[in-house]
Every structure is written in structure tokens, then in C-alpha cells.
């Protein structure tokens, strides 16, 4: 009987061990699954952080690109404006140098007889030159019998007159505008 009791005890111990082993495996598996969950959570956090960093870098690159595009557009507009200004300034300089020539043509025509063929030739050249200059934006400032405006006129003399004060009585030298800019004011005599 002692042998039977020993065998029974041994069997009971084995059963206990067998029952404990699955429990331990389950506990180990539970620990493993908790660790896996923690690892997965950490991996997700790392992936989210990497995605956030990538999005932030992408946003920074987009901002840089937009700034570069804006800078380029501004540069392009500035160059275009500079080209126009250079053209305008060059044109203004040439026309300003031609104004005394126009004055001399007018003086020559004022001192000639109108029926003369020489007068007709000078007038044709003058008209042709005025046509070319007017096509490029030159226009005469009309001022005779108009109110004096210091933006367009330069008063060199004043005189008592029957006309209203500030009315231009005489033009000594014609003034000209190039498009909207006065390149030479008219020299005038004004009524007091």
C-alpha cells in the first residue's frame, strides 16, 4: 500500500505540475502580450512622431517654395518695371535734348514768309518731327489764356492787365509733357 500511496502522490504531483505549467505558460503569454502591446504603442508613438516630423518638414519646404516663388514674381515684376523706366528715361533724355531744336524750328518759321518754298520745306520737317515725337508721348502744354498752374508753368514776368489775375497773357517758351510727366514747364507772362 505504501507503494500505491507513493504512486498516487507521484501522480497527484504530476497532475499538479501539468496544471501549473499551462498556467505559467499563460502567465508568460500574458506578459508577452502586454509587452507586445507596450512595444506596439511605443512603435505607434515613434511612427506618429516620425510622421509629424515629416509633415513639419514638408510644411517648411512648402513655405520655402512659396517664398521663393513670391520672390521670383517680385523680381520679375521689378525687372519689368525697371525696363520700362529705362526706356522712359532714355526717351525722356533724347526728347529733352530735341526740345531746343524744336524751338529753333519755330523761331525760323516765325521769321520767314509763309508763301515761301523754303518756309514750306522747314514746316514739313518740323511737322514730321512733331509727329514722331507725339507718337512717342510728347505733347505741348496748352497755356495761353488759361489759369497759371505752377505744376505746368514757370512765371518769368507778371503784368497789369484787364484779364483776371493769374491768367497767362503770353508764352515765351512752350512747355512739354512726356505722357503724364512735365519735362519742361512753359515760360509765361501772367496777369496781376
C-alpha atoms as a PDB file:
ATOM      1  CA  UNK A   1       0.000   0.000   0.000  1.00  0.00           C
ATOM      2  CA  UNK A   2       2.752   2.282   0.646  1.00  0.00           C
ATOM      3  CA  UNK A   3       3.666   1.804  -2.930  1.00  0.00           C
ATOM      4  CA  UNK A   4       0.183   2.721  -4.048  1.00  0.00           C
ATOM      5  CA  UNK A   5       0.225   5.793  -1.910  1.00  0.00           C
ATOM      6  CA  UNK A   6       3.594   6.742  -3.313  1.00  0.00           C
ATOM      7  CA  UNK A   7       2.316   6.248  -6.853  1.00  0.00           C
ATOM      8  CA  UNK A   8      -0.825   8.212  -6.100  1.00  0.00           C
ATOM      9  CA  UNK A   9       1.220  11.037  -4.600  1.00  0.00           C
ATOM     10  CA  UNK A  10       3.513  10.980  -7.594  1.00  0.00           C
ATOM     11  CA  UNK A  11       0.525  11.097  -9.944  1.00  0.00           C
ATOM     12  CA  UNK A  12      -1.015  13.946  -7.982  1.00  0.00           C
ATOM     13  CA  UNK A  13       2.242  15.878  -8.119  1.00  0.00           C
ATOM     14  CA  UNK A  14       2.494  15.283 -11.876  1.00  0.00           C
ATOM     15  CA  UNK A  15      -1.074  16.436 -12.389  1.00  0.00           C
ATOM     16  CA  UNK A  16      -0.358  19.487 -10.298  1.00  0.00           C
ATOM     17  CA  UNK A  17       2.789  20.206 -12.290  1.00  0.00           C
ATOM     18  CA  UNK A  18       0.933  19.753 -15.556  1.00  0.00           C
ATOM     19  CA  UNK A  19      -1.796  22.077 -14.361  1.00  0.00           C
ATOM     20  CA  UNK A  20       0.775  24.636 -13.160  1.00  0.00           C
ATOM     21  CA  UNK A  21       2.737  24.578 -16.402  1.00  0.00           C
ATOM     22  CA  UNK A  22      -0.156  25.762 -18.592  1.00  0.00           C
ATOM     23  CA  UNK A  23      -0.875  28.446 -16.001  1.00  0.00           C
ATOM     24  CA  UNK A  24       2.747  29.570 -16.108  1.00  0.00           C
ATOM     25  CA  UNK A  25       2.659  29.495 -19.934  1.00  0.00           C
ATOM     26  CA  UNK A  26      -0.490  31.550 -19.840  1.00  0.00           C
ATOM     27  CA  UNK A  27       1.150  33.954 -17.428  1.00  0.00           C
ATOM     28  CA  UNK A  28       4.220  34.125 -19.671  1.00  0.00           C
ATOM     29  CA  UNK A  29       1.995  34.568 -22.701  1.00  0.00           C
ATOM     30  CA  UNK A  30       0.100  37.325 -20.852  1.00  0.00           C
ATOM     31  CA  UNK A  31       3.333  39.059 -20.033  1.00  0.00           C
ATOM     32  CA  UNK A  32       4.453  38.656 -23.629  1.00  0.00           C
ATOM     33  CA  UNK A  33       1.195  40.097 -24.951  1.00  0.00           C
ATOM     34  CA  UNK A  34       1.419  43.058 -22.542  1.00  0.00           C
ATOM     35  CA  UNK A  35       4.987  43.651 -23.663  1.00  0.00           C
ATOM     36  CA  UNK A  36       3.874  43.360 -27.281  1.00  0.00           C
ATOM     37  CA  UNK A  37       1.087  45.877 -26.655  1.00  0.00           C
ATOM     38  CA  UNK A  38       3.560  48.251 -24.998  1.00  0.00           C
ATOM     39  CA  UNK A  39       6.019  47.746 -27.856  1.00  0.00           C
ATOM     40  CA  UNK A  40       3.235  48.346 -30.379  1.00  0.00           C
ATOM     41  CA  UNK A  41       2.163  51.507 -28.541  1.00  0.00           C
ATOM     42  CA  UNK A  42       5.772  52.704 -28.462  1.00  0.00           C
ATOM     43  CA  UNK A  43       6.170  51.884 -32.154  1.00  0.00           C
ATOM     44  CA  UNK A  44       2.937  53.755 -32.928  1.00  0.00           C
ATOM     45  CA  UNK A  45       4.198  56.753 -30.943  1.00  0.00           C
ATOM     46  CA  UNK A  46       7.505  56.653 -32.815  1.00  0.00           C
ATOM     47  CA  UNK A  47       5.681  56.346 -36.151  1.00  0.00           C
ATOM     48  CA  UNK A  48       3.383  59.262 -35.213  1.00  0.00           C
ATOM     49  CA  UNK A  49       6.374  61.321 -34.159  1.00  0.00           C
ATOM     50  CA  UNK A  50       8.180  60.472 -37.404  1.00  0.00           C
ATOM     51  CA  UNK A  51       5.045  61.341 -39.406  1.00  0.00           C
ATOM     52  CA  UNK A  52       4.710  64.648 -37.505  1.00  0.00           C
ATOM     53  CA  UNK A  53       8.350  65.460 -38.192  1.00  0.00           C
ATOM     54  CA  UNK A  54       7.901  64.567 -41.860  1.00  0.00           C
ATOM     55  CA  UNK A  55       4.755  66.726 -42.072  1.00  0.00           C
ATOM     56  CA  UNK A  56       6.542  69.598 -40.355  1.00  0.00           C
ATOM     57  CA  UNK A  57       9.491  69.293 -42.740  1.00  0.00           C
ATOM     58  CA  UNK A  58       7.091  69.133 -45.693  1.00  0.00           C
ATOM     59  CA  UNK A  59       5.311  72.259 -44.444  1.00  0.00           C
ATOM     60  CA  UNK A  60       8.647  74.080 -44.034  1.00  0.00           C
ATOM     61  CA  UNK A  61       9.663  73.090 -47.580  1.00  0.00           C
ATOM     62  CA  UNK A  62       6.295  74.247 -48.937  1.00  0.00           C
ATOM     63  CA  UNK A  63       6.724  77.582 -47.137  1.00  0.00           C
ATOM     64  CA  UNK A  64      10.227  77.965 -48.570  1.00  0.00           C
ATOM     65  CA  UNK A  65       8.916  77.143 -52.036  1.00  0.00           C
ATOM     66  CA  UNK A  66       6.080  79.673 -51.727  1.00  0.00           C
ATOM     67  CA  UNK A  67       8.528  82.358 -50.530  1.00  0.00           C
ATOM     68  CA  UNK A  68      10.870  81.587 -53.416  1.00  0.00           C
ATOM     69  CA  UNK A  69       8.009  81.784 -55.892  1.00  0.00           C
ATOM     70  CA  UNK A  70       6.879  85.117 -54.413  1.00  0.00           C
ATOM     71  CA  UNK A  71      10.458  86.421 -54.522  1.00  0.00           C
ATOM     72  CA  UNK A  72      10.762  85.352 -58.144  1.00  0.00           C
ATOM     73  CA  UNK A  73       7.470  87.009 -59.099  1.00  0.00           C
ATOM     74  CA  UNK A  74       8.573  90.198 -57.306  1.00  0.00           C
ATOM     75  CA  UNK A  75      11.940  90.050 -59.063  1.00  0.00           C
ATOM     76  CA  UNK A  76      10.261  89.531 -62.423  1.00  0.00           C
ATOM     77  CA  UNK A  77       7.904  92.487 -61.831  1.00  0.00           C
ATOM     78  CA  UNK A  78      10.775  94.678 -60.646  1.00  0.00           C
ATOM     79  CA  UNK A  79      12.847  93.842 -63.743  1.00  0.00           C
ATOM     80  CA  UNK A  80       9.865  94.558 -65.990  1.00  0.00           C
ATOM     81  CA  UNK A  81       9.286  97.891 -64.259  1.00  0.00           C
ATOM     82  CA  UNK A  82      12.993  98.740 -64.496  1.00  0.00           C
ATOM     83  CA  UNK A  83      12.935  98.004 -68.239  1.00  0.00           C
ATOM     84  CA  UNK A  84      10.012 100.365 -68.695  1.00  0.00           C
ATOM     85  CA  UNK A  85      11.716 103.026 -66.570  1.00  0.00           C
ATOM     86  CA  UNK A  86      14.968 102.712 -68.511  1.00  0.00           C
ATOM     87  CA  UNK A  87      13.057 103.075 -71.762  1.00  0.00           C
ATOM     88  CA  UNK A  88      11.125 106.063 -70.402  1.00  0.00           C
ATOM     89  CA  UNK A  89      14.233 107.759 -69.027  1.00  0.00           C
ATOM     90  CA  UNK A  90      16.163 107.191 -72.242  1.00  0.00           C
ATOM     91  CA  UNK A  91      13.246 108.523 -74.275  1.00  0.00           C
ATOM     92  CA  UNK A  92      12.867 111.492 -71.926  1.00  0.00           C
ATOM     93  CA  UNK A  93      16.556 112.319 -72.207  1.00  0.00           C
ATOM     94  CA  UNK A  94      16.523 112.236 -76.018  1.00  0.00           C
ATOM     95  CA  UNK A  95      13.322 114.262 -76.297  1.00  0.00           C
ATOM     96  CA  UNK A  96      14.610 116.835 -73.782  1.00  0.00           C
ATOM     97  CA  UNK A  97      17.683 117.279 -75.968  1.00  0.00           C
ATOM     98  CA  UNK A  98      15.471 117.738 -79.058  1.00  0.00           C
ATOM     99  CA  UNK A  99      13.276 120.469 -77.491  1.00  0.00           C
ATOM    100  CA  UNK A 100      15.754 123.307 -78.287  1.00  0.00           C
ATOM    101  CA  UNK A 101      15.807 122.074 -81.882  1.00  0.00           C
ATOM    102  CA  UNK A 102      12.002 122.377 -81.992  1.00  0.00           C
ATOM    103  CA  UNK A 103      12.266 125.896 -80.552  1.00  0.00           C
ATOM    104  CA  UNK A 104      14.736 126.847 -83.271  1.00  0.00           C
ATOM    105  CA  UNK A 105      12.421 125.458 -85.975  1.00  0.00           C
ATOM    106  CA  UNK A 106       9.583 127.580 -84.571  1.00  0.00           C
ATOM    107  CA  UNK A 107      11.792 130.707 -84.463  1.00  0.00           C
ATOM    108  CA  UNK A 108      12.899 130.102 -88.050  1.00  0.00           C
ATOM    109  CA  UNK A 109       9.295 129.700 -89.237  1.00  0.00           C
ATOM    110  CA  UNK A 110       8.219 132.833 -87.317  1.00  0.00           C
ATOM    111  CA  UNK A 111      10.871 134.872 -89.165  1.00  0.00           C
ATOM    112  CA  UNK A 112      10.006 133.625 -92.692  1.00  0.00           C
ATOM    113  CA  UNK A 113       7.261 134.461 -95.127  1.00  0.00           C
ATOM    114  CA  UNK A 114       4.588 131.779 -95.302  1.00  0.00           C
ATOM    115  CA  UNK A 115       4.264 131.541 -99.094  1.00  0.00           C
ATOM    116  CA  UNK A 116       7.990 130.865 -99.489  1.00  0.00           C
ATOM    117  CA  UNK A 117       9.055 127.333-100.615  1.00  0.00           C
ATOM    118  CA  UNK A 118      11.880 127.391 -98.076  1.00  0.00           C
ATOM    119  CA  UNK A 119       9.291 128.014 -95.349  1.00  0.00           C
ATOM    120  CA  UNK A 120       7.188 125.108 -96.637  1.00  0.00           C
ATOM    121  CA  UNK A 121      10.205 122.767 -96.509  1.00  0.00           C
ATOM    122  CA  UNK A 122      11.104 123.795 -92.943  1.00  0.00           C
ATOM    123  CA  UNK A 123       7.433 123.430 -91.877  1.00  0.00           C
ATOM    124  CA  UNK A 124       7.257 119.916 -93.357  1.00  0.00           C
ATOM    125  CA  UNK A 125      10.381 118.871 -91.437  1.00  0.00           C
ATOM    126  CA  UNK A 126       9.004 120.461 -88.248  1.00  0.00           C
ATOM    127  CA  UNK A 127       5.609 118.732 -88.680  1.00  0.00           C
ATOM    128  CA  UNK A 128       7.300 115.397 -89.354  1.00  0.00           C
ATOM    129  CA  UNK A 129       9.475 115.737 -86.247  1.00  0.00           C
ATOM    130  CA  UNK A 130       6.460 116.726 -84.108  1.00  0.00           C
ATOM    131  CA  UNK A 131       4.527 113.722 -85.464  1.00  0.00           C
ATOM    132  CA  UNK A 132       7.317 111.303 -84.476  1.00  0.00           C
ATOM    133  CA  UNK A 133       7.662 112.884 -81.029  1.00  0.00           C
ATOM    134  CA  UNK A 134       3.907 112.916 -80.399  1.00  0.00           C
ATOM    135  CA  UNK A 135       3.720 109.217 -81.311  1.00  0.00           C
ATOM    136  CA  UNK A 136       6.283 108.647 -78.551  1.00  0.00           C
ATOM    137  CA  UNK A 137       4.191 110.502 -75.973  1.00  0.00           C
ATOM    138  CA  UNK A 138       5.251 114.152 -76.298  1.00  0.00           C
ATOM    139  CA  UNK A 139       2.522 116.756 -76.086  1.00  0.00           C
ATOM    140  CA  UNK A 140       2.585 120.517 -75.819  1.00  0.00           C
ATOM    141  CA  UNK A 141       1.227 122.148 -72.675  1.00  0.00           C
ATOM    142  CA  UNK A 142      -1.598 124.431 -73.774  1.00  0.00           C
ATOM    143  CA  UNK A 143      -1.478 127.516 -71.603  1.00  0.00           C
ATOM    144  CA  UNK A 144      -2.364 130.768 -73.397  1.00  0.00           C
ATOM    145  CA  UNK A 145      -5.428 132.421 -71.760  1.00  0.00           C
ATOM    146  CA  UNK A 146      -5.563 129.689 -69.074  1.00  0.00           C
ATOM    147  CA  UNK A 147      -5.045 129.943 -65.319  1.00  0.00           C
ATOM    148  CA  UNK A 148      -1.476 129.769 -64.102  1.00  0.00           C
ATOM    149  CA  UNK A 149      -0.571 126.388 -62.603  1.00  0.00           C
ATOM    150  CA  UNK A 150       2.898 126.096 -61.043  1.00  0.00           C
ATOM    151  CA  UNK A 151       2.915 122.383 -61.861  1.00  0.00           C
ATOM    152  CA  UNK A 152       2.898 123.174 -65.596  1.00  0.00           C
ATOM    153  CA  UNK A 153       4.018 126.791 -65.907  1.00  0.00           C
ATOM    154  CA  UNK A 154       7.016 128.877 -64.931  1.00  0.00           C
ATOM    155  CA  UNK A 155       6.115 132.543 -64.500  1.00  0.00           C
ATOM    156  CA  UNK A 156       9.007 134.776 -65.525  1.00  0.00           C
ATOM    157  CA  UNK A 157       7.034 138.010 -65.714  1.00  0.00           C
ATOM    158  CA  UNK A 158       3.779 139.500 -64.490  1.00  0.00           C
ATOM    159  CA  UNK A 159       1.873 142.451 -65.924  1.00  0.00           C
ATOM    160  CA  UNK A 160      -1.186 144.517 -65.052  1.00  0.00           C
ATOM    161  CA  UNK A 161      -3.998 143.531 -67.351  1.00  0.00           C
ATOM    162  CA  UNK A 162      -7.719 143.753 -67.901  1.00  0.00           C
ATOM    163  CA  UNK A 163      -7.865 139.984 -67.631  1.00  0.00           C
ATOM    164  CA  UNK A 164      -8.439 138.108 -64.401  1.00  0.00           C
ATOM    165  CA  UNK A 165      -5.466 137.704 -62.059  1.00  0.00           C
ATOM    166  CA  UNK A 166      -3.480 134.535 -62.733  1.00  0.00           C
ATOM    167  CA  UNK A 167      -4.411 134.286 -66.425  1.00  0.00           C
ATOM    168  CA  UNK A 168      -1.481 133.594 -68.757  1.00  0.00           C
ATOM    169  CA  UNK A 169      -1.018 136.519 -71.166  1.00  0.00           C
ATOM    170  CA  UNK A 170       1.960 135.404 -73.215  1.00  0.00           C
ATOM    171  CA  UNK A 171       4.084 132.283 -73.745  1.00  0.00           C
ATOM    172  CA  UNK A 172       7.828 132.874 -74.050  1.00  0.00           C
ATOM    173  CA  UNK A 173       8.804 129.222 -74.360  1.00  0.00           C
ATOM    174  CA  UNK A 174       6.481 126.277 -74.931  1.00  0.00           C
ATOM    175  CA  UNK A 175       6.267 123.611 -72.280  1.00  0.00           C
ATOM    176  CA  UNK A 176       6.007 119.911 -72.982  1.00  0.00           C
ATOM    177  CA  UNK A 177       4.830 116.757 -71.272  1.00  0.00           C
ATOM    178  CA  UNK A 178       6.029 113.241 -71.931  1.00  0.00           C
ATOM    179  CA  UNK A 179       2.998 111.097 -71.255  1.00  0.00           C
ATOM    180  CA  UNK A 180       1.955 112.320 -67.772  1.00  0.00           C
ATOM    181  CA  UNK A 181       5.242 113.894 -66.747  1.00  0.00           C
ATOM    182  CA  UNK A 182       6.206 117.518 -67.310  1.00  0.00           C
ATOM    183  CA  UNK A 183       9.643 117.523 -68.917  1.00  0.00           C
ATOM    184  CA  UNK A 184       9.749 121.259 -69.459  1.00  0.00           C
ATOM    185  CA  UNK A 185       7.310 123.798 -67.962  1.00  0.00           C
ATOM    186  CA  UNK A 186       6.038 126.644 -70.103  1.00  0.00           C
ATOM    187  CA  UNK A 187       7.747 130.006 -69.514  1.00  0.00           C
ATOM    188  CA  UNK A 188       4.909 132.528 -69.323  1.00  0.00           C
ATOM    189  CA  UNK A 189       3.816 136.076 -68.506  1.00  0.00           C
ATOM    190  CA  UNK A 190       0.936 136.197 -66.010  1.00  0.00           C
ATOM    191  CA  UNK A 191      -1.715 138.885 -65.369  1.00  0.00           C
ATOM    192  CA  UNK A 192      -1.577 140.625 -61.961  1.00  0.00           C
END
